[in-house]
Amino acid sequence: MRILVADDHDLVREAIAAFLIAEGNAEVETAGTLGAALEVVKATGTFDLVLLDYNMPGMNGLDGLAQMQEANEERPVAILSGTTTRALAEEAIAAGAAGFVPKTLGSKSMISAANFMAAGETYAPFNLMQQQDEAEPGLLTKREMDVLRGICQGKANKEIARDYNLHEATVKLHAKTLCRKLNAKNRTHAAMIARDRNLV
């Protein structure tokens, strides 16, 4: 498995590369900026997985993700981040990232996440995705409102995913969290609560 780790902190970059090489028998390349990472892909071909630091030079938020997805020919590209908020993880996954990987992840979890994403799955730490949004505890995020609107229109997860250009797994996750926030037993109950409260 070929993995590219791009991070502007030498220690972080080398530590992650060392984990992946030691535990996962991966062939790992590293880069310190988005520009350097794009050059590596251009020079050596696409990777099974690219891990991009969210805050390194050249990234400009998630613009760098789109550039790397194109360069890596739509093969898995994930976001690495020292800032772990659920909103950022959701935004990255909605933009097509293969996953959202906190830099604080232990070595074994990092290997599992890398294998999972290289196999075409989407990774986000469960405990992070269960967090309430600090800004609005108990209220729904914009994305959860989108999913709730779709549920109220009687759409299946697949249709909602298509409407908002999301992965079906992401829609399922939003449906689950919005049901929990609304104290709804299921999707139908969530739709009834939404109508009663004039949420949609």
C-alpha atoms as a PDB file:
ATOM      1  CA  MET A   1       0.000   0.000   0.000  1.00  0.00           C
ATOM      2  CA  ARG A   2       1.396   3.415  -1.002  1.00  0.00           C
ATOM      3  CA  ILE A   3       0.608   6.305   1.338  1.00  0.00           C
ATOM      4  CA  LEU A   4       1.544   9.986   1.117  1.00  0.00           C
ATOM      5  CA  VAL A   5       1.690  11.936   4.401  1.00  0.00           C
ATOM      6  CA  ALA A   6       1.694  15.718   3.933  1.00  0.00           C
ATOM      7  CA  ASP A   7       2.161  17.848   7.065  1.00  0.00           C
ATOM      8  CA  ASP A   8       4.265  20.942   7.737  1.00  0.00           C
ATOM      9  CA  HIS A   9       5.291  19.766  11.234  1.00  0.00           C
ATOM     10  CA  ASP A  10       8.359  17.563  10.773  1.00  0.00           C
ATOM     11  CA  LEU A  11       7.783  15.622  14.009  1.00  0.00           C
ATOM     12  CA  VAL A  12       4.130  14.871  13.301  1.00  0.00           C
ATOM     13  CA  ARG A  13       4.863  13.900   9.702  1.00  0.00           C
ATOM     14  CA  GLU A  14       7.731  11.576  10.627  1.00  0.00           C
ATOM     15  CA  ALA A  15       5.818  10.021  13.553  1.00  0.00           C
ATOM     16  CA  ILE A  16       2.798   9.169  11.384  1.00  0.00           C
ATOM     17  CA  ALA A  17       5.041   7.836   8.602  1.00  0.00           C
ATOM     18  CA  ALA A  18       6.943   5.691  11.136  1.00  0.00           C
ATOM     19  CA  PHE A  19       3.658   4.234  12.531  1.00  0.00           C
ATOM     20  CA  LEU A  20       2.448   3.310   9.062  1.00  0.00           C
ATOM     21  CA  ILE A  21       5.755   1.765   7.966  1.00  0.00           C
ATOM     22  CA  ALA A  22       6.328  -0.214  11.181  1.00  0.00           C
ATOM     23  CA  GLU A  23       2.815  -1.545  11.696  1.00  0.00           C
ATOM     24  CA  GLY A  24       1.177  -1.538   8.319  1.00  0.00           C
ATOM     25  CA  ASN A  25       3.986  -2.573   5.946  1.00  0.00           C
ATOM     26  CA  ALA A  26       3.162   0.518   3.910  1.00  0.00           C
ATOM     27  CA  GLU A  27       5.426   2.342   1.482  1.00  0.00           C
ATOM     28  CA  VAL A  28       5.256   5.948   2.715  1.00  0.00           C
ATOM     29  CA  GLU A  29       6.265   9.216   1.040  1.00  0.00           C
ATOM     30  CA  THR A  30       6.183  12.545   2.892  1.00  0.00           C
ATOM     31  CA  ALA A  31       5.840  16.238   2.007  1.00  0.00           C
ATOM     32  CA  GLY A  32       5.745  19.482   4.001  1.00  0.00           C
ATOM     33  CA  THR A  33       3.376  21.622   1.895  1.00  0.00           C
ATOM     34  CA  LEU A  34       0.467  21.061  -0.459  1.00  0.00           C
ATOM     35  CA  GLY A  35       2.639  22.126  -3.406  1.00  0.00           C
ATOM     36  CA  ALA A  36       5.333  19.584  -2.511  1.00  0.00           C
ATOM     37  CA  ALA A  37       2.686  16.867  -2.060  1.00  0.00           C
ATOM     38  CA  LEU A  38       1.206  17.593  -5.500  1.00  0.00           C
ATOM     39  CA  GLU A  39       4.726  17.387  -6.985  1.00  0.00           C
ATOM     40  CA  VAL A  40       5.268  13.950  -5.366  1.00  0.00           C
ATOM     41  CA  VAL A  41       2.019  12.645  -6.907  1.00  0.00           C
ATOM     42  CA  LYS A  42       2.983  14.102 -10.290  1.00  0.00           C
ATOM     43  CA  ALA A  43       6.454  12.535 -10.128  1.00  0.00           C
ATOM     44  CA  THR A  44       5.607   9.099  -8.706  1.00  0.00           C
ATOM     45  CA  GLY A  45       1.973   8.427  -9.631  1.00  0.00           C
ATOM     46  CA  THR A  46      -1.188   8.125  -7.571  1.00  0.00           C
ATOM     47  CA  PHE A  47      -1.334   6.778  -4.002  1.00  0.00           C
ATOM     48  CA  ASP A  48      -3.689   4.301  -2.303  1.00  0.00           C
ATOM     49  CA  LEU A  49      -4.203   6.986   0.343  1.00  0.00           C
ATOM     50  CA  VAL A  50      -3.125  10.616   0.831  1.00  0.00           C
ATOM     51  CA  LEU A  51      -3.221  12.201   4.319  1.00  0.00           C
ATOM     52  CA  LEU A  52      -3.311  16.022   4.101  1.00  0.00           C
ATOM     53  CA  ASP A  53      -2.793  18.358   7.050  1.00  0.00           C
ATOM     54  CA  TYR A  54      -5.728  20.798   7.138  1.00  0.00           C
ATOM     55  CA  ASN A  55      -3.555  23.751   8.222  1.00  0.00           C
ATOM     56  CA  MET A  56      -0.363  23.409   6.200  1.00  0.00           C
ATOM     57  CA  PRO A  57       0.883  25.970   3.624  1.00  0.00           C
ATOM     58  CA  GLY A  58      -1.050  25.918   0.360  1.00  0.00           C
ATOM     59  CA  MET A  59      -4.171  24.217   1.712  1.00  0.00           C
ATOM     60  CA  ASN A  60      -6.450  27.262   1.943  1.00  0.00           C
ATOM     61  CA  GLY A  61      -9.039  25.311   3.940  1.00  0.00           C
ATOM     62  CA  LEU A  62     -10.561  22.527   1.888  1.00  0.00           C
ATOM     63  CA  ASP A  63      -9.455  23.955  -1.493  1.00  0.00           C
ATOM     64  CA  GLY A  64      -6.299  21.867  -1.160  1.00  0.00           C
ATOM     65  CA  LEU A  65      -8.409  18.745  -0.715  1.00  0.00           C
ATOM     66  CA  ALA A  66     -10.071  19.315  -4.110  1.00  0.00           C
ATOM     67  CA  GLN A  67      -6.683  19.894  -5.799  1.00  0.00           C
ATOM     68  CA  MET A  68      -5.258  16.692  -4.347  1.00  0.00           C
ATOM     69  CA  GLN A  69      -8.363  14.651  -5.208  1.00  0.00           C
ATOM     70  CA  GLU A  70      -7.912  15.677  -8.819  1.00  0.00           C
ATOM     71  CA  ALA A  71      -4.136  14.999  -8.784  1.00  0.00           C
ATOM     72  CA  ASN A  72      -4.640  11.610  -7.109  1.00  0.00           C
ATOM     73  CA  GLU A  73      -7.276  10.743  -9.735  1.00  0.00           C
ATOM     74  CA  GLU A  74     -10.130  10.539  -7.212  1.00  0.00           C
ATOM     75  CA  ARG A  75      -8.380   7.877  -5.119  1.00  0.00           C
ATOM     76  CA  PRO A  76      -8.786   8.318  -1.311  1.00  0.00           C
ATOM     77  CA  VAL A  77      -7.593  11.623   0.169  1.00  0.00           C
ATOM     78  CA  ALA A  78      -8.163  12.262   3.891  1.00  0.00           C
ATOM     79  CA  ILE A  79      -7.755  15.280   6.145  1.00  0.00           C
ATOM     80  CA  LEU A  80      -5.348  15.196   9.104  1.00  0.00           C
ATOM     81  CA  SER A  81      -6.043  17.781  11.762  1.00  0.00           C
ATOM     82  CA  GLY A  82      -4.837  19.006  15.126  1.00  0.00           C
ATOM     83  CA  THR A  83      -8.126  20.905  15.483  1.00  0.00           C
ATOM     84  CA  THR A  84     -10.811  18.330  16.018  1.00  0.00           C
ATOM     85  CA  THR A  85     -14.348  19.651  15.835  1.00  0.00           C
ATOM     86  CA  ARG A  86     -17.319  17.757  14.584  1.00  0.00           C
ATOM     87  CA  ALA A  87     -18.309  20.615  12.244  1.00  0.00           C
ATOM     88  CA  LEU A  88     -14.888  20.505  10.544  1.00  0.00           C
ATOM     89  CA  ALA A  89     -15.040  16.706  10.221  1.00  0.00           C
ATOM     90  CA  GLU A  90     -18.516  16.911   8.661  1.00  0.00           C
ATOM     91  CA  GLU A  91     -17.401  19.652   6.271  1.00  0.00           C
ATOM     92  CA  ALA A  92     -14.360  17.633   5.141  1.00  0.00           C
ATOM     93  CA  ILE A  93     -16.398  14.456   4.582  1.00  0.00           C
ATOM     94  CA  ALA A  94     -19.132  16.408   2.782  1.00  0.00           C
ATOM     95  CA  ALA A  95     -16.389  17.773   0.469  1.00  0.00           C
ATOM     96  CA  GLY A  96     -15.477  14.188  -0.430  1.00  0.00           C
ATOM     97  CA  ALA A  97     -12.607  13.485   1.980  1.00  0.00           C
ATOM     98  CA  ALA A  98     -12.031   9.773   2.598  1.00  0.00           C
ATOM     99  CA  GLY A  99     -11.954  10.607   6.275  1.00  0.00           C
ATOM    100  CA  PHE A 100     -11.074  12.970   9.070  1.00  0.00           C
ATOM    101  CA  VAL A 101      -8.090  11.846  11.145  1.00  0.00           C
ATOM    102  CA  PRO A 102      -7.140  13.622  14.407  1.00  0.00           C
ATOM    103  CA  LYS A 103      -3.352  13.834  14.821  1.00  0.00           C
ATOM    104  CA  THR A 104      -3.851  12.601  18.395  1.00  0.00           C
ATOM    105  CA  LEU A 105      -4.977   9.161  17.150  1.00  0.00           C
ATOM    106  CA  GLY A 106      -2.909   6.303  18.612  1.00  0.00           C
ATOM    107  CA  SER A 107      -0.664   4.246  16.328  1.00  0.00           C
ATOM    108  CA  LYS A 108      -2.978   1.194  16.126  1.00  0.00           C
ATOM    109  CA  SER A 109      -6.038   3.353  15.414  1.00  0.00           C
ATOM    110  CA  MET A 110      -4.053   5.280  12.778  1.00  0.00           C
ATOM    111  CA  ILE A 111      -3.166   2.002  10.982  1.00  0.00           C
ATOM    112  CA  SER A 112      -6.786   0.788  11.141  1.00  0.00           C
ATOM    113  CA  ALA A 113      -8.069   4.124   9.825  1.00  0.00           C
ATOM    114  CA  ALA A 114      -5.517   4.105   6.957  1.00  0.00           C
ATOM    115  CA  ASN A 115      -6.472   0.550   5.920  1.00  0.00           C
ATOM    116  CA  PHE A 116     -10.171   1.391   6.173  1.00  0.00           C
ATOM    117  CA  MET A 117      -9.860   4.497   3.965  1.00  0.00           C
ATOM    118  CA  ALA A 118      -7.531   2.849   1.431  1.00  0.00           C
ATOM    119  CA  ALA A 119     -10.235   0.174   1.047  1.00  0.00           C
ATOM    120  CA  GLY A 120     -12.663   2.888  -0.050  1.00  0.00           C
ATOM    121  CA  GLU A 121     -14.506   3.455   3.242  1.00  0.00           C
ATOM    122  CA  THR A 122     -15.061   6.805   5.003  1.00  0.00           C
ATOM    123  CA  TYR A 123     -13.452   7.241   8.426  1.00  0.00           C
ATOM    124  CA  ALA A 124     -14.346   9.624  11.262  1.00  0.00           C
ATOM    125  CA  PRO A 125     -13.771   8.928  14.962  1.00  0.00           C
ATOM    126  CA  PHE A 126     -17.044   7.853  16.568  1.00  0.00           C
ATOM    127  CA  ASN A 127     -16.538   9.893  19.765  1.00  0.00           C
ATOM    128  CA  LEU A 128     -15.897  13.043  17.707  1.00  0.00           C
ATOM    129  CA  MET A 129     -19.033  12.575  15.609  1.00  0.00           C
ATOM    130  CA  GLN A 130     -21.098  12.103  18.784  1.00  0.00           C
ATOM    131  CA  GLN A 131     -20.082  15.525  20.143  1.00  0.00           C
ATOM    132  CA  GLN A 132     -22.743  18.181  20.385  1.00  0.00           C
ATOM    133  CA  ASP A 133     -21.851  21.314  18.448  1.00  0.00           C
ATOM    134  CA  GLU A 134     -20.531  23.767  21.005  1.00  0.00           C
ATOM    135  CA  ALA A 135     -22.176  26.768  19.391  1.00  0.00           C
ATOM    136  CA  GLU A 136     -25.686  25.328  19.512  1.00  0.00           C
ATOM    137  CA  PRO A 137     -26.063  22.521  22.056  1.00  0.00           C
ATOM    138  CA  GLY A 138     -29.158  20.492  21.320  1.00  0.00           C
ATOM    139  CA  LEU A 139     -29.890  22.279  18.042  1.00  0.00           C
ATOM    140  CA  LEU A 140     -29.424  20.836  14.583  1.00  0.00           C
ATOM    141  CA  THR A 141     -26.492  21.707  12.320  1.00  0.00           C
ATOM    142  CA  LYS A 142     -27.164  23.036   8.824  1.00  0.00           C
ATOM    143  CA  ARG A 143     -26.384  19.609   7.355  1.00  0.00           C
ATOM    144  CA  GLU A 144     -28.706  17.850   9.814  1.00  0.00           C
ATOM    145  CA  MET A 145     -31.455  20.304   8.805  1.00  0.00           C
ATOM    146  CA  ASP A 146     -30.857  19.398   5.135  1.00  0.00           C
ATOM    147  CA  VAL A 147     -31.195  15.702   5.973  1.00  0.00           C
ATOM    148  CA  LEU A 148     -34.283  16.355   8.132  1.00  0.00           C
ATOM    149  CA  ARG A 149     -35.890  18.249   5.231  1.00  0.00           C
ATOM    150  CA  GLY A 150     -35.245  15.233   2.995  1.00  0.00           C
ATOM    151  CA  ILE A 151     -36.736  12.868   5.592  1.00  0.00           C
ATOM    152  CA  CYS A 152     -39.851  15.086   5.846  1.00  0.00           C
ATOM    153  CA  GLN A 153     -40.197  14.844   2.051  1.00  0.00           C
ATOM    154  CA  GLY A 154     -40.183  11.060   2.387  1.00  0.00           C
ATOM    155  CA  LYS A 155     -36.835  10.624   0.614  1.00  0.00           C
ATOM    156  CA  ALA A 156     -34.539   7.636   1.148  1.00  0.00           C
ATOM    157  CA  ASN A 157     -30.934   8.129   2.336  1.00  0.00           C
ATOM    158  CA  LYS A 158     -29.683   7.487  -1.191  1.00  0.00           C
ATOM    159  CA  GLU A 159     -31.853  10.312  -2.603  1.00  0.00           C
ATOM    160  CA  ILE A 160     -30.862  12.749   0.160  1.00  0.00           C
ATOM    161  CA  ALA A 161     -27.196  11.870  -0.450  1.00  0.00           C
ATOM    162  CA  ARG A 162     -27.645  12.612  -4.158  1.00  0.00           C
ATOM    163  CA  ASP A 163     -29.430  15.934  -3.456  1.00  0.00           C
ATOM    164  CA  TYR A 164     -26.618  17.255  -1.276  1.00  0.00           C
ATOM    165  CA  ASN A 165     -23.681  15.479  -2.911  1.00  0.00           C
ATOM    166  CA  LEU A 166     -22.956  13.444   0.236  1.00  0.00           C
ATOM    167  CA  HIS A 167     -22.007   9.845   0.927  1.00  0.00           C
ATOM    168  CA  GLU A 168     -24.962   7.676   1.941  1.00  0.00           C
ATOM    169  CA  ALA A 169     -23.046   6.761   5.135  1.00  0.00           C
ATOM    170  CA  THR A 170     -22.803  10.465   6.019  1.00  0.00           C
ATOM    171  CA  VAL A 171     -26.578  10.883   5.594  1.00  0.00           C
ATOM    172  CA  LYS A 172     -27.167   7.871   7.870  1.00  0.00           C
ATOM    173  CA  LEU A 173     -24.881   9.425  10.484  1.00  0.00           C
ATOM    174  CA  HIS A 174     -26.734  12.769  10.321  1.00  0.00           C
ATOM    175  CA  ALA A 175     -30.101  10.996  10.525  1.00  0.00           C
ATOM    176  CA  LYS A 176     -28.940   9.156  13.622  1.00  0.00           C
ATOM    177  CA  THR A 177     -27.611  12.273  15.377  1.00  0.00           C
ATOM    178  CA  LEU A 178     -30.639  14.410  14.519  1.00  0.00           C
ATOM    179  CA  CYS A 179     -32.983  11.685  15.848  1.00  0.00           C
ATOM    180  CA  ARG A 180     -30.967  11.676  19.075  1.00  0.00           C
ATOM    181  CA  LYS A 181     -31.066  15.476  19.369  1.00  0.00           C
ATOM    182  CA  LEU A 182     -34.834  15.552  18.778  1.00  0.00           C
ATOM    183  CA  ASN A 183     -35.430  12.548  21.094  1.00  0.00           C
ATOM    184  CA  ALA A 184     -37.064  10.824  18.130  1.00  0.00           C
ATOM    185  CA  LYS A 185     -37.474   7.027  18.096  1.00  0.00           C
ATOM    186  CA  ASN A 186     -37.000   6.832  14.313  1.00  0.00           C
ATOM    187  CA  ARG A 187     -37.110   8.847  11.084  1.00  0.00           C
ATOM    188  CA  THR A 188     -40.929   9.039  10.967  1.00  0.00           C
ATOM    189  CA  HIS A 189     -41.021  10.278  14.554  1.00  0.00           C
ATOM    190  CA  ALA A 190     -38.303  12.867  13.697  1.00  0.00           C
ATOM    191  CA  ALA A 191     -40.433  14.131  10.776  1.00  0.00           C
ATOM    192  CA  MET A 192     -43.490  14.449  13.068  1.00  0.00           C
ATOM    193  CA  ILE A 193     -41.480  16.386  15.676  1.00  0.00           C
ATOM    194  CA  ALA A 194     -40.049  18.642  12.950  1.00  0.00           C
ATOM    195  CA  ARG A 195     -43.565  19.484  11.704  1.00  0.00           C
ATOM    196  CA  ASP A 196     -44.896  20.060  15.234  1.00  0.00           C
ATOM    197  CA  ARG A 197     -42.056  22.458  16.000  1.00  0.00           C
ATOM    198  CA  ASN A 198     -42.176  24.122  12.567  1.00  0.00           C
ATOM    199  CA  LEU A 199     -38.508  23.231  12.015  1.00  0.00           C
ATOM    200  CA  VAL A 200     -38.933  22.670   8.279  1.00  0.00           C
END
